[in-house]
Protein backbone atom coordinates (compact mmCIF):
# COMPACT_ATOMS: atom_id res chain seq x y z
CA MET A 1 -38.41 47.39 195.87
CA PRO A 2 -39.49 49.56 198.87
CA VAL A 3 -41.66 52.54 198.03
CA GLN A 4 -39.79 55.81 198.59
CA PRO A 5 -41.74 58.52 200.45
CA SER A 6 -42.46 61.64 198.51
CA PRO A 7 -40.50 64.85 199.24
CA ALA A 8 -43.64 66.34 200.88
CA THR A 9 -43.97 63.33 203.22
CA ARG A 10 -40.30 63.48 204.18
CA TRP A 11 -40.66 67.19 204.94
CA LYS A 12 -43.67 66.61 207.23
CA PHE A 13 -41.75 63.88 209.07
CA LEU A 14 -38.68 66.08 209.64
CA THR A 15 -40.87 68.94 210.85
CA ALA A 16 -42.55 66.69 213.40
CA VAL A 17 -39.18 65.38 214.67
CA LEU A 18 -37.85 68.91 215.08
CA ALA A 19 -40.93 69.94 217.04
CA VAL A 20 -40.52 67.01 219.44
CA LEU A 21 -36.82 67.78 219.93
CA THR A 22 -37.59 71.45 220.62
CA VAL A 23 -40.09 70.56 223.33
CA ALA A 24 -37.70 68.02 224.88
CA LEU A 25 -34.85 70.51 225.00
CA ALA A 26 -37.08 73.15 226.56
CA LEU A 27 -38.22 70.72 229.26
CA HIS A 28 -34.65 69.76 230.18
CA ALA A 29 -33.04 73.20 229.94
CA PRO A 30 -31.86 74.72 233.26
CA THR A 31 -34.45 77.19 234.60
CA ALA A 32 -33.42 80.44 236.33
CA ALA A 33 -35.79 82.53 238.41
CA SER A 34 -36.65 84.48 235.23
CA GLY A 35 -36.23 83.90 231.49
CA ALA A 36 -33.29 86.30 231.07
CA ALA A 37 -29.69 85.23 231.59
CA PRO A 38 -28.83 85.92 235.25
CA LEU A 39 -26.55 88.80 236.18
CA THR A 40 -23.54 88.18 238.37
CA VAL A 41 -23.47 89.78 241.80
CA ALA A 42 -20.75 92.19 240.64
CA GLN A 43 -22.95 93.29 237.74
CA ALA A 44 -25.95 93.73 240.03
CA VAL A 45 -23.95 95.81 242.53
CA ALA A 46 -22.85 98.10 239.71
CA GLN A 47 -26.34 98.46 238.21
CA GLN A 48 -28.57 99.80 240.98
CA THR A 49 -31.07 101.21 238.48
CA GLY A 50 -34.38 99.90 239.78
CA ALA A 51 -34.64 97.47 236.86
CA SER A 52 -36.20 94.03 237.38
CA VAL A 53 -33.57 91.34 236.78
CA THR A 54 -32.45 87.87 237.83
CA VAL A 55 -29.20 87.65 239.79
CA ARG A 56 -27.18 84.49 240.40
CA GLY A 57 -24.95 84.23 243.45
CA TYR A 58 -23.93 82.21 246.48
CA VAL A 59 -25.69 82.73 249.81
CA VAL A 60 -22.93 84.01 252.11
CA GLY A 61 -24.89 85.20 255.15
CA GLN A 62 -27.55 87.56 256.46
CA PRO A 63 -27.13 91.36 256.41
CA THR A 64 -28.03 92.99 259.72
CA ALA A 65 -26.62 96.47 259.00
CA THR A 66 -24.98 98.35 256.12
CA ASN A 67 -21.54 96.90 256.83
CA THR A 68 -22.47 93.76 258.78
CA VAL A 69 -23.27 90.28 257.46
CA VAL A 70 -23.58 87.38 259.92
CA ARG A 71 -22.82 83.75 258.96
CA SER A 72 -24.37 81.98 261.94
CA ASN A 73 -27.01 82.47 264.66
CA PHE A 74 -29.25 84.11 262.08
CA PRO A 75 -31.65 86.50 263.86
CA SER A 76 -34.49 86.32 261.31
CA ASP A 77 -35.60 85.27 257.83
CA PHE A 78 -35.77 88.81 256.45
CA ALA A 79 -32.69 89.02 254.19
CA VAL A 80 -29.80 87.14 252.60
CA ALA A 81 -26.47 88.32 251.21
CA LEU A 82 -25.25 87.00 247.84
CA ALA A 83 -21.73 86.99 246.40
CA ASP A 84 -20.01 85.62 243.33
CA THR A 85 -18.01 83.16 245.45
CA ALA A 86 -19.14 81.14 248.44
CA THR A 87 -16.13 82.31 250.49
CA GLU A 88 -16.56 86.08 249.98
CA THR A 89 -16.16 88.12 253.19
CA SER A 90 -16.11 91.72 251.90
CA THR A 91 -19.54 93.32 252.20
CA SER A 92 -18.69 95.66 249.29
CA ALA A 93 -18.70 92.62 247.00
CA MET A 94 -22.10 91.41 248.25
CA LEU A 95 -25.68 92.06 247.18
CA TYR A 96 -28.23 92.38 249.99
CA VAL A 97 -31.48 90.61 249.04
CA GLN A 98 -34.79 91.29 250.75
CA VAL A 99 -36.79 88.14 251.58
CA PRO A 100 -40.52 89.02 251.55
CA ALA A 101 -42.89 87.31 253.95
CA SER A 102 -44.21 84.83 251.36
CA PHE A 103 -40.69 83.43 250.77
CA ARG A 104 -39.29 83.36 254.31
CA SER A 105 -40.26 79.83 255.28
CA ALA A 106 -38.38 78.43 252.26
CA TRP A 107 -35.59 80.99 251.70
CA GLY A 108 -34.90 82.65 255.06
CA LEU A 109 -31.65 81.71 256.78
CA GLN A 110 -33.05 81.38 260.28
CA SER A 111 -35.49 78.73 259.05
CA ASN A 112 -33.07 77.27 256.47
CA PRO A 113 -29.45 77.67 257.65
CA GLY A 114 -28.47 75.00 255.12
CA LEU A 115 -28.87 77.63 252.37
CA LEU A 116 -25.47 79.04 253.35
CA GLY A 117 -23.04 78.35 250.49
CA ARG A 118 -25.76 77.39 247.99
CA GLN A 119 -25.93 79.08 244.59
CA VAL A 120 -29.33 80.63 243.89
CA ASP A 121 -31.15 82.72 241.30
CA VAL A 122 -33.34 85.57 242.55
CA THR A 123 -35.55 87.89 240.51
CA GLY A 124 -36.24 91.37 241.89
CA LYS A 125 -35.53 95.09 241.58
CA LEU A 126 -32.00 96.48 241.68
CA ALA A 127 -32.40 98.93 244.55
CA ALA A 128 -30.64 99.76 247.81
CA TYR A 129 -31.41 97.64 250.86
CA PHE A 130 -29.97 98.36 254.33
CA SER A 131 -28.42 101.45 252.60
CA HIS A 132 -26.32 99.01 250.52
CA ALA A 133 -26.44 97.67 246.97
CA GLY A 134 -29.45 95.40 246.98
CA LEU A 135 -32.25 93.47 245.34
CA THR A 136 -35.72 94.34 246.66
CA SER A 137 -39.29 93.04 246.28
CA PRO A 138 -38.24 89.64 244.85
CA THR A 139 -40.84 87.74 242.83
CA ALA A 140 -38.97 84.42 242.45
CA PHE A 141 -36.25 82.33 244.10
CA ALA A 142 -34.67 79.11 242.74
CA PHE A 143 -31.57 77.01 243.22
CA ALA A 144 -29.21 77.71 240.32
CA SER A 145 -28.46 73.99 239.99
CA GLY A 146 -32.13 73.19 239.52
CA THR A 147 -32.06 70.69 242.40
CA ARG A 148 -35.13 72.09 244.10
CA PRO A 149 -38.23 70.35 242.67
CA THR A 150 -40.30 73.51 242.37
CA THR A 151 -39.74 77.26 242.38
CA THR A 152 -41.91 79.38 244.62
CA THR A 153 -43.27 82.46 242.83
CA ARG A 154 -45.75 85.19 243.60
CA PRO A 155 -47.19 88.18 241.71
CA PRO A 156 -45.15 91.40 241.93
CA THR A 157 -46.24 93.65 244.78
CA THR A 158 -47.08 97.29 244.21
CA THR A 159 -46.93 98.53 247.78
CA THR A 160 -45.14 97.80 251.06
CA THR A 161 -47.89 99.41 253.15
CA PRO A 162 -50.91 97.15 253.56
CA PRO A 163 -54.04 98.83 254.88
CA ALA A 164 -54.95 98.44 258.54
CA GLY A 165 -56.57 95.10 259.18
CA ASP A 166 -54.53 93.12 256.65
CA HIS A 167 -52.74 91.37 259.52
CA ASP A 168 -55.83 90.50 261.55
CA SER A 169 -56.07 86.91 260.34
CA THR A 170 -52.32 86.31 260.74
CA TYR A 171 -50.20 88.50 263.00
CA TYR A 172 -53.02 89.68 265.30
CA ARG A 173 -55.25 86.61 265.10
CA THR A 174 -55.04 85.85 268.85
CA ALA A 175 -55.93 89.43 269.80
CA ILE A 176 -58.96 90.01 267.60
CA GLY A 177 -62.18 90.48 269.59
CA LYS A 178 -60.50 91.18 272.94
CA THR A 179 -60.60 94.36 275.05
CA GLY A 180 -59.06 95.77 278.22
CA GLU A 181 -56.29 93.87 279.98
CA SER A 182 -57.02 90.77 277.90
CA LEU A 183 -56.24 92.69 274.71
CA LYS A 184 -53.16 94.28 276.25
CA ASP A 185 -51.83 90.90 277.41
CA SER A 186 -52.45 89.32 274.02
CA LEU A 187 -50.71 92.17 272.14
CA HIS A 188 -47.77 91.99 274.57
CA GLY A 189 -47.27 88.32 273.71
CA ILE A 190 -47.44 89.05 269.97
CA ILE A 191 -45.10 92.04 269.75
CA SER A 192 -42.54 90.67 272.23
CA VAL A 193 -41.36 88.24 269.55
CA GLN A 194 -38.76 90.44 267.90
CA ARG A 195 -35.18 90.73 266.83
CA LYS A 196 -33.23 93.11 269.08
CA LEU A 197 -30.82 95.69 267.65
CA SER A 198 -27.67 97.08 269.19
CA TYR A 199 -27.52 100.83 269.82
CA ASP A 200 -24.99 101.23 266.99
CA GLN A 201 -27.33 99.43 264.59
CA VAL A 202 -30.02 101.99 265.38
CA TRP A 203 -28.15 104.60 263.30
CA ASP A 204 -28.60 102.59 260.11
CA ALA A 205 -32.10 101.50 261.09
CA LEU A 206 -33.31 105.11 261.37
CA LYS A 207 -31.90 105.88 257.94
CA LEU A 208 -34.34 103.26 256.62
CA THR A 209 -37.38 103.91 258.79
CA ASP A 210 -37.40 107.70 258.60
CA GLN A 211 -36.20 108.23 255.04
CA ASP A 212 -37.62 111.32 253.36
CA PRO A 213 -40.10 110.01 250.74
CA ASN A 214 -39.06 112.87 248.44
CA ASN A 215 -35.29 112.54 248.94
CA SER A 216 -33.79 109.14 249.64
CA ALA A 217 -30.53 110.74 250.84
CA ASN A 218 -32.30 112.40 253.78
CA VAL A 219 -34.28 111.58 256.91
CA ILE A 220 -37.23 113.52 258.35
CA LEU A 221 -36.62 114.80 261.89
CA LEU A 222 -39.48 114.03 264.28
CA TYR A 223 -40.14 117.32 266.08
CA SER A 224 -38.41 119.74 263.71
CA GLY A 225 -40.01 118.23 260.60
CA ARG A 226 -36.81 119.10 258.75
CA SER A 227 -35.40 116.96 255.95
CA GLN A 228 -31.72 116.43 256.70
CA SER A 229 -28.91 114.42 255.13
CA LYS A 230 -28.57 110.88 256.48
CA SER A 231 -24.82 111.42 256.70
CA THR A 232 -25.11 114.25 259.27
CA ASN A 233 -25.83 111.98 262.22
CA GLY A 234 -23.62 112.68 265.24
CA GLY A 235 -23.24 114.83 268.31
CA ASP A 236 -22.68 118.38 267.04
CA PRO A 237 -25.48 120.94 267.61
CA ASP A 238 -26.85 120.82 264.05
CA ASP A 239 -26.38 117.08 263.58
CA TRP A 240 -29.25 114.65 264.15
CA ASN A 241 -29.16 111.95 266.79
CA ARG A 242 -31.38 109.24 268.31
CA GLU A 243 -34.36 110.61 270.21
CA HIS A 244 -35.91 108.24 272.75
CA VAL A 245 -39.59 109.20 272.57
CA TRP A 246 -40.15 107.21 275.77
CA ALA A 247 -37.37 109.02 277.64
CA LYS A 248 -34.80 106.43 278.69
CA SER A 249 -34.58 107.81 282.23
CA HIS A 250 -38.26 106.91 282.77
CA GLY A 251 -37.49 103.39 283.84
CA ASP A 252 -33.70 103.84 283.81
CA PHE A 253 -33.14 101.52 280.83
CA GLY A 254 -30.55 103.74 279.14
CA THR A 255 -29.31 102.45 275.79
CA ALA A 256 -29.31 98.79 276.78
CA THR A 257 -30.40 96.35 274.09
CA GLY A 258 -34.15 96.12 274.57
CA PRO A 259 -36.24 99.25 275.30
CA GLY A 260 -33.15 101.42 274.81
CA THR A 261 -32.73 100.21 271.23
CA ASP A 262 -36.32 99.51 270.19
CA VAL A 263 -36.77 101.39 266.90
CA HIS A 264 -40.52 101.62 267.36
CA HIS A 265 -39.89 104.58 269.71
CA LEU A 266 -36.55 105.88 268.42
CA ARG A 267 -36.60 108.71 265.89
CA PRO A 268 -34.03 111.07 264.31
CA GLU A 269 -33.99 114.58 265.76
CA ASP A 270 -31.77 117.66 265.81
CA VAL A 271 -29.26 117.35 268.64
CA SER A 272 -30.20 120.61 270.36
CA VAL A 273 -33.95 120.03 269.94
CA ASN A 274 -33.50 116.56 271.42
CA GLY A 275 -31.74 118.21 274.35
CA ALA A 276 -34.54 120.74 274.77
CA ARG A 277 -37.11 117.95 275.02
CA GLY A 278 -34.83 116.07 277.41
CA ASN A 279 -36.81 113.60 279.52
CA LYS A 280 -39.97 115.70 279.81
CA ASP A 281 -43.38 114.07 279.79
CA PHE A 282 -45.90 114.99 277.10
CA ASP A 283 -48.72 117.49 277.53
CA ASP A 284 -50.28 120.55 275.89
CA GLY A 285 -48.93 124.06 276.34
CA GLY A 286 -45.81 126.01 277.13
CA THR A 287 -43.75 128.43 275.06
CA ALA A 288 -42.68 127.87 271.45
CA ALA A 289 -39.55 125.73 271.02
CA SER A 290 -37.11 128.04 269.25
CA GLU A 291 -35.57 125.50 266.87
CA ALA A 292 -38.68 123.41 266.26
CA PRO A 293 -41.66 125.49 265.06
CA GLY A 294 -45.02 124.12 266.20
CA ASN A 295 -43.59 122.47 269.31
CA TYR A 296 -44.14 123.90 272.81
CA THR A 297 -42.44 123.26 276.12
CA ASP A 298 -42.40 124.28 279.77
CA ALA A 299 -40.56 123.08 282.85
CA ASP A 300 -42.01 119.55 282.87
CA SER A 301 -43.68 118.83 279.51
CA TRP A 302 -43.26 118.83 275.74
CA GLU A 303 -45.96 119.28 273.12
CA PRO A 304 -44.96 118.02 269.64
CA ARG A 305 -46.10 119.65 266.41
CA ASP A 306 -49.60 118.72 265.23
CA ALA A 307 -48.41 116.49 262.35
CA VAL A 308 -46.75 114.00 264.71
CA LYS A 309 -48.87 114.22 267.85
CA GLY A 310 -50.52 110.89 267.01
CA ASP A 311 -47.17 109.34 266.08
CA VAL A 312 -45.81 110.21 269.53
CA ALA A 313 -48.91 108.84 271.27
CA ARG A 314 -48.80 105.53 269.41
CA MET A 315 -45.08 105.07 270.16
CA ILE A 316 -45.83 105.54 273.86
CA PHE A 317 -48.76 103.10 273.67
CA TYR A 318 -46.44 100.53 272.05
CA MET A 319 -43.83 100.86 274.81
CA ALA A 320 -46.45 100.52 277.56
CA VAL A 321 -47.63 97.24 276.04
CA ARG A 322 -44.29 95.81 274.89
CA TYR A 323 -42.36 96.25 278.17
CA GLU A 324 -44.25 94.69 281.07
CA GLY A 325 -41.36 93.95 283.42
CA GLY A 326 -40.87 90.31 282.46
CA ASP A 327 -37.61 90.56 280.51
CA GLY A 328 -35.24 92.21 282.99
CA PHE A 329 -36.48 95.76 282.37
CA ALA A 330 -38.98 97.90 284.25
CA ASP A 331 -42.72 97.63 283.67
CA LEU A 332 -43.41 100.76 281.60
CA GLU A 333 -46.83 102.31 282.13
CA MET A 334 -48.56 105.58 281.28
CA ASN A 335 -50.16 107.83 283.88
CA ASP A 336 -51.66 111.32 283.95
CA SER A 337 -48.67 113.04 285.52
CA THR A 338 -45.88 115.25 284.16
CA SER A 339 -43.67 114.76 287.24
CA ASN A 340 -42.55 111.17 286.78
CA GLY A 341 -38.81 111.67 287.17
CA SER A 342 -36.98 108.33 286.88
CA ASN A 343 -40.07 106.25 287.63
CA PRO A 344 -41.06 103.84 284.81
CA HIS A 345 -44.07 106.00 283.97
CA LEU A 346 -44.80 108.61 281.34
CA GLY A 347 -47.67 111.02 280.80
CA LYS A 348 -50.00 112.59 280.26
CA ARG A 349 -52.13 109.71 279.17
CA SER A 350 -55.19 111.93 278.67
CA ALA A 351 -53.27 114.15 276.25
CA LEU A 352 -51.80 111.17 274.41
CA MET A 353 -55.22 109.59 273.99
CA ARG A 354 -56.56 112.84 272.56
CA TRP A 355 -53.59 113.19 270.18
CA ASN A 356 -54.11 109.63 268.94
CA ALA A 357 -57.65 110.59 267.88
CA GLN A 358 -56.68 113.97 266.43
CA ASP A 359 -53.78 112.74 264.28
CA PRO A 360 -54.47 109.30 262.74
CA PRO A 361 -51.65 107.27 261.13
CA ASP A 362 -50.45 108.70 257.82
CA ALA A 363 -48.53 107.05 254.96
CA PHE A 364 -45.13 107.90 256.52
CA GLU A 365 -46.01 106.28 259.85
CA LYS A 366 -47.53 103.20 258.19
CA ARG A 367 -44.49 102.73 255.96
CA ARG A 368 -42.23 103.06 259.01
CA ASN A 369 -44.16 100.33 260.82
CA GLN A 370 -43.88 98.07 257.78
CA VAL A 371 -40.12 98.63 257.38
CA ILE A 372 -39.50 97.76 261.04
CA HIS A 373 -41.56 94.60 260.62
CA ASP A 374 -40.10 93.51 257.28
CA SER A 375 -36.46 94.56 257.54
CA LEU A 376 -35.45 95.21 261.15
CA GLN A 377 -37.22 93.83 264.22
CA GLY A 378 -39.93 91.57 262.81
CA ASN A 379 -42.63 93.04 265.06
CA ARG A 380 -45.27 95.72 264.57
CA ASN A 381 -46.73 98.65 266.49
CA PRO A 382 -50.34 97.47 266.82
CA PHE A 383 -51.59 101.01 267.44
CA VAL A 384 -50.46 102.10 263.98
CA ASP A 385 -52.47 99.23 262.48
CA HIS A 386 -55.37 99.70 264.93
CA PRO A 387 -55.42 103.16 266.59
CA GLU A 388 -58.78 102.28 268.12
CA TRP A 389 -57.11 99.67 270.33
CA ALA A 390 -55.87 102.47 272.60
CA ASN A 391 -59.45 103.19 273.64
CA ALA A 392 -60.18 99.47 273.87
CA ILE A 393 -57.38 99.14 276.47
CA TRP A 394 -57.26 102.51 278.29
CA GLY A 395 -60.46 104.27 277.26
């Protein structure tokens, strides 16, 4: 007769079997981008609380403005829109998802148009993006079906403003070590690779780039320094509108897509203050601007307040490097004159160089540069990252 195992032996055997089954089930269970059950897109849209969650949805296009999602000819890899159905067309039922640089090669739509219609899980923070219900700073992406062999992950980021020099080995690698015209030519080639906005898209772009860090419902006006509601953009005297820091008549480019819509030199400003600056060149002196304390003006020049003198200079430096006459627009260059009229020149260079040294980039300006790079145009203002390059080129 076979020997029967003791109760203790049977118990050890059953325990071992259960352990093996538990491991097997864990290995074969579907894996989302985080351990928690994914939210639907509708739930995520309704819960913009800043919480870190995983959201499951279908990729339905790329957001390019608050109310615009494109489904073809994707301009960049910076964002995707998710919905609860693959055929959704209403932007109000979509979640706009930021795609950080470390994920773009695998999860950006320009590089991977085949993602359209796929169901994915994304882990990130429930926070507005493009002034729309969104998911920002993602830390994981995965196909909901589990068909992708591996899931790309990265540690959570704590800042969107890397210190100057962080891009030297990547974005600026071909410019490092150069000076003079060689540096200018190299930077022109780097920053000319950009997504171009329409003039209407600039409204929403400025609500992102110039957001008041202490009040997300407002923007900071460039010359006035006033914090004003994002919703008061328009044409009435106390509204804010789009100030072309490089006056659009200096080169006659107007509001054409290109220099006329390049957010690196467009800033929100009070309508009447914008009119007072007009197309004047920049220089020191004049009488106080009545609606913009700290600013001064005379017949042919405008002096901005001290807190943004360097900002203005670096925007002008950017324009003089970015637009060299090879893309259908005038070759924009600085000079030391304040009587440039409609010529593609703007001055005074000597004042701008001095302002660049007096007012180095602050946190607001650095964040603005990063937002334009990450979420809008995909290019940077090199003089915000490296103010010393102005002297290396024009000094």
